[in-house]
Amino acid sequence: MKPVMNNTKWEELRLAMYRILPEPPQWRTKNIENDYVSDWDGEWYYHFQTGGYKTIKWVEIKVNSEEQRNKVLQSLKKSKCPSETNQ
């Protein structure tokens, strides 16, 4: 399986989520090589980019409020990141 996003897109996503302050959403990733799903993490600035992006199959974003959900969706739309939502 080939990743849908390149390093530039992952960086755009990381920075967009980091900017949703004071409370950025949590995230977890699935590894493209071994299907490992990481634990939930809320630190976008350093943790999300640790190890690079080449093994990320997908990222799941967990929000805490409707306001945060709207900010995440706006950020995804603005950066043109491919996404799906769970209602």
Protein backbone atom coordinates (compact mmCIF):
# COMPACT_ATOMS: atom_id res chain seq x y z
CA MET A 1 0.00 0.00 0.00
CA LYS A 2 1.25 3.43 -0.94
CA PRO A 3 0.69 6.43 1.41
CA VAL A 4 -1.91 8.97 0.32
CA MET A 5 -0.03 11.94 1.79
CA ASN A 6 3.54 13.10 1.33
CA ASN A 7 5.79 14.72 3.98
CA THR A 8 4.58 18.21 3.07
CA LYS A 9 0.94 17.26 3.67
CA TRP A 10 1.78 15.54 6.98
CA GLU A 11 3.60 18.71 8.07
CA GLU A 12 0.63 20.86 7.10
CA LEU A 13 -1.64 18.61 9.16
CA ARG A 14 0.73 18.61 12.14
CA LEU A 15 1.06 22.39 12.21
CA ALA A 16 -2.67 22.94 11.69
CA MET A 17 -3.54 20.68 14.65
CA TYR A 18 -0.82 22.25 16.79
CA ARG A 19 -2.37 25.65 16.17
CA ILE A 20 -5.76 24.54 17.54
CA LEU A 21 -4.98 25.95 20.93
CA PRO A 22 -5.39 25.98 23.86
CA GLU A 23 -6.51 22.37 23.52
CA PRO A 24 -5.30 20.51 20.44
CA PRO A 25 -7.10 17.25 19.63
CA GLN A 26 -5.60 13.85 20.38
CA TRP A 27 -4.28 11.60 17.62
CA ARG A 28 -3.08 8.08 16.93
CA THR A 29 -1.53 6.57 13.84
CA LYS A 30 -1.46 3.22 12.07
CA ASN A 31 1.86 1.95 10.77
CA ILE A 32 1.89 1.03 7.07
CA GLU A 33 4.52 -1.70 7.55
CA ASN A 34 3.09 -3.71 10.46
CA ASP A 35 -0.44 -2.32 11.07
CA TYR A 36 0.50 -1.21 14.61
CA VAL A 37 -1.91 1.40 16.00
CA SER A 38 -0.22 3.81 18.41
CA ASP A 39 -1.58 4.96 21.74
CA TRP A 40 -3.51 8.23 21.84
CA ASP A 41 -1.27 11.30 22.13
CA GLY A 42 -2.06 14.99 22.29
CA GLU A 43 1.36 16.46 21.54
CA TRP A 44 1.50 17.51 17.90
CA TYR A 45 4.60 19.69 17.83
CA TYR A 46 7.27 17.08 18.62
CA HIS A 47 5.65 13.66 19.06
CA PHE A 48 3.72 13.54 15.79
CA GLN A 49 6.84 14.06 13.70
CA THR A 50 9.07 11.69 15.71
CA GLY A 51 10.48 9.09 13.33
CA GLY A 52 9.22 10.87 10.22
CA TYR A 53 6.08 10.22 8.22
CA LYS A 54 7.07 7.46 5.80
CA THR A 55 5.40 4.68 7.83
CA ILE A 56 2.09 6.43 8.60
CA LYS A 57 -0.84 4.69 6.93
CA TRP A 58 -3.46 6.93 8.54
CA VAL A 59 -4.02 9.23 11.48
CA GLU A 60 -7.16 9.24 13.61
CA ILE A 61 -8.06 12.48 15.37
CA LYS A 62 -10.18 12.49 18.53
CA VAL A 63 -11.98 15.69 19.54
CA ASN A 64 -13.43 16.70 22.90
CA SER A 65 -16.12 19.15 21.87
CA GLU A 66 -18.21 20.33 18.96
CA GLU A 67 -16.15 23.52 18.82
CA GLN A 68 -12.91 21.54 18.57
CA ARG A 69 -14.48 19.25 15.94
CA ASN A 70 -15.41 22.28 13.82
CA LYS A 71 -11.87 23.68 14.09
CA VAL A 72 -10.36 20.34 13.07
CA LEU A 73 -12.71 20.03 10.09
CA GLN A 74 -11.96 23.60 9.00
CA SER A 75 -8.22 22.94 9.25
CA LEU A 76 -8.48 19.73 7.23
CA LYS A 77 -10.51 21.47 4.55
CA LYS A 78 -8.14 24.44 4.40
CA SER A 79 -5.06 22.24 4.04
CA LYS A 80 -6.86 19.94 1.56
CA CYS A 81 -5.94 16.82 3.51
CA PRO A 82 -7.91 13.75 2.51
CA SER A 83 -10.26 12.88 5.36
CA GLU A 84 -13.30 10.99 6.54
CA THR A 85 -15.55 11.87 9.45
CA ASN A 86 -17.39 9.72 11.95
CA GLN A 87 -20.63 11.31 12.99
